[in-house]
Protein backbone atom coordinates (compact mmCIF):
# COMPACT_ATOMS: atom_id res chain seq x y z
CA MET A 1 3.45 -144.94 -17.16
CA VAL A 2 1.83 -148.38 -16.56
CA THR A 3 -0.39 -148.90 -13.71
CA ARG A 4 -1.78 -152.39 -12.90
CA SER A 5 -3.80 -153.25 -10.04
CA GLY A 6 -4.70 -156.14 -7.55
CA SER A 7 -7.65 -156.48 -5.39
CA ALA A 8 -8.81 -158.27 -2.34
CA GLU A 9 -11.98 -159.12 -0.15
CA TRP A 10 -12.02 -160.03 3.31
CA GLN A 11 -15.18 -161.18 5.40
CA GLY A 12 -15.05 -161.93 9.23
CA GLY A 13 -12.55 -161.72 11.88
CA LEU A 14 -8.69 -162.25 11.49
CA LYS A 15 -8.71 -165.73 12.50
CA ASP A 16 -12.11 -167.10 11.37
CA GLY A 17 -12.55 -164.78 8.42
CA LYS A 18 -11.64 -165.60 4.85
CA GLY A 19 -10.97 -163.63 1.67
CA THR A 20 -10.09 -163.72 -2.11
CA VAL A 21 -7.60 -161.93 -4.19
CA SER A 22 -7.81 -161.09 -7.84
CA THR A 23 -5.76 -159.27 -10.48
CA GLN A 24 -6.81 -156.78 -13.22
CA SER A 25 -5.72 -158.99 -15.89
CA GLY A 26 -7.84 -162.01 -14.55
CA ALA A 27 -4.76 -164.31 -14.29
CA LEU A 28 -5.76 -164.61 -10.52
CA LYS A 29 -9.73 -164.53 -9.85
CA ASP A 30 -11.07 -165.11 -6.52
CA LEU A 31 -8.12 -166.90 -5.05
CA SER A 32 -8.82 -167.80 -1.52
CA TYR A 33 -6.60 -166.64 1.38
CA GLY A 34 -6.88 -166.55 5.11
CA PHE A 35 -5.14 -166.77 8.35
CA ASN A 36 -4.55 -170.34 8.09
CA THR A 37 -3.19 -170.07 4.57
CA ARG A 38 -0.83 -167.42 5.95
CA PHE A 39 0.22 -168.99 9.06
CA GLY A 40 -0.76 -172.60 8.69
CA ASP A 41 -0.99 -175.16 6.00
CA THR A 42 -4.38 -174.53 4.47
CA PRO A 43 -4.52 -174.57 0.61
CA GLY A 44 -4.76 -171.11 -0.55
CA THR A 45 -2.49 -167.98 -1.10
CA ASN A 46 -1.06 -165.30 1.18
CA PRO A 47 0.23 -161.75 0.58
CA GLU A 48 3.87 -162.97 1.28
CA GLU A 49 3.82 -165.68 -1.54
CA LEU A 50 2.15 -163.21 -4.03
CA ILE A 51 4.92 -160.62 -3.29
CA GLY A 52 7.68 -163.48 -3.69
CA ALA A 53 6.08 -164.40 -7.11
CA ALA A 54 6.04 -160.88 -8.15
CA HIS A 55 9.67 -160.27 -6.98
CA ALA A 56 10.84 -163.37 -8.65
CA ALA A 57 9.17 -162.44 -12.00
CA CYS A 58 10.40 -158.96 -11.77
CA PHE A 59 14.16 -159.88 -11.13
CA SER A 60 13.82 -162.54 -13.83
CA MET A 61 12.70 -159.98 -16.55
CA ALA A 62 14.99 -157.36 -15.38
CA LEU A 63 18.09 -159.67 -15.48
CA SER A 64 16.98 -161.18 -18.96
CA LYS A 65 16.96 -157.58 -20.35
CA MET A 66 20.36 -156.80 -18.91
CA LEU A 67 21.87 -160.24 -20.22
CA GLY A 68 20.49 -159.63 -23.78
CA GLU A 69 22.06 -156.22 -23.68
CA ALA A 70 25.30 -157.57 -22.77
CA GLY A 71 25.26 -159.88 -25.77
CA ILE A 72 24.44 -162.90 -23.88
CA GLY A 73 22.04 -165.53 -25.48
CA ASP A 74 20.49 -168.68 -24.69
CA ILE A 75 19.29 -167.29 -21.51
CA ASP A 76 17.53 -169.51 -18.91
CA ILE A 77 16.42 -168.06 -15.56
CA LYS A 78 14.66 -169.92 -12.75
CA THR A 79 14.12 -167.70 -9.71
CA THR A 80 12.25 -168.01 -6.22
CA SER A 81 11.85 -165.11 -3.78
CA LYS A 82 11.36 -166.16 -0.35
CA ILE A 83 9.58 -163.60 1.79
CA THR A 84 10.13 -163.75 5.69
CA LEU A 85 7.30 -162.14 7.80
CA GLU A 86 8.39 -161.81 11.43
CA GLN A 87 6.48 -160.47 14.58
CA ASP A 88 7.02 -156.91 15.40
CA GLY A 89 5.69 -155.95 18.51
CA ASP A 90 1.84 -156.55 18.34
CA GLY A 91 1.97 -156.82 14.57
CA PHE A 92 4.09 -158.18 11.74
CA THR A 93 6.79 -156.88 9.23
CA VAL A 94 8.09 -158.34 6.27
CA THR A 95 11.90 -158.36 7.10
CA LYS A 96 13.77 -160.16 4.01
CA ALA A 97 13.30 -160.88 0.63
CA HIS A 98 15.82 -163.66 -0.44
CA LEU A 99 16.21 -164.37 -4.21
CA VAL A 100 17.30 -167.86 -5.12
CA THR A 101 18.25 -167.90 -8.92
CA GLN A 102 19.64 -170.52 -11.37
CA ILE A 103 21.05 -168.68 -14.64
CA SER A 104 22.39 -170.13 -17.65
CA GLY A 105 23.56 -168.54 -20.89
CA ASP A 106 26.34 -168.42 -23.50
CA GLY A 107 28.58 -165.67 -21.73
CA ASP A 108 31.12 -165.22 -19.11
CA LYS A 109 30.05 -166.80 -15.60
CA ALA A 110 31.44 -163.77 -13.68
CA ARG A 111 29.68 -161.25 -16.10
CA ILE A 112 26.34 -163.04 -15.58
CA GLN A 113 26.92 -163.26 -11.75
CA ASP A 114 27.68 -159.23 -11.84
CA LEU A 115 24.63 -158.60 -13.86
CA ALA A 116 22.51 -160.83 -11.61
CA GLN A 117 23.44 -158.52 -8.50
CA GLN A 118 22.57 -155.48 -10.52
CA ALA A 119 19.29 -156.90 -11.55
CA LYS A 120 18.69 -157.73 -7.77
CA ALA A 121 19.30 -154.10 -6.75
CA GLY A 122 17.51 -152.55 -9.86
CA CYS A 123 14.55 -154.32 -10.31
CA PRO A 124 11.43 -152.26 -9.55
CA ILE A 125 9.86 -154.72 -7.05
CA SER A 126 13.43 -154.90 -5.13
CA LYS A 127 13.30 -151.31 -4.93
CA LEU A 128 9.60 -151.26 -3.72
CA LEU A 129 10.36 -153.84 -0.85
CA ASN A 130 11.24 -151.97 2.28
CA ALA A 131 13.49 -154.84 3.40
CA GLU A 132 16.88 -156.49 2.97
CA VAL A 133 16.82 -158.07 -0.36
CA THR A 134 19.46 -160.70 -0.54
CA MET A 135 20.27 -163.39 -3.21
CA ASP A 136 22.08 -166.84 -4.13
CA ALA A 137 22.67 -166.91 -7.75
CA THR A 138 24.04 -170.16 -9.54
CA VAL A 139 25.31 -169.83 -12.92
CA ALA A 140 25.17 -173.07 -14.80
């Protein structure tokens, strides 16, 4: 079993406060986030884009494993996960995660597309998200 962690600190109120996020590995250290980075255009990060990055990375790794096991070589995967946050009553809910991926490899395009669908459903972050997970996959 592997356990990894991320952490966050927050000071102040929702709209005037600010925070930082860090990861156990140190890859992210004291990266700023706040109301305006989440709902506006202020530089910094937000929970949804961090989830998107984690989802895209997880999917890409899962697909790479599946393609390799299927004997497909020369693998190149570029993935984005678009996380949708919508108002839900007085709060907000993540309602959708949409994967956009470009895949190339030296195998049958239909087989690669099928494996991409399996990876979408099977990657651990897809399983974690309690939202509709959709995908547009392009095989070159």
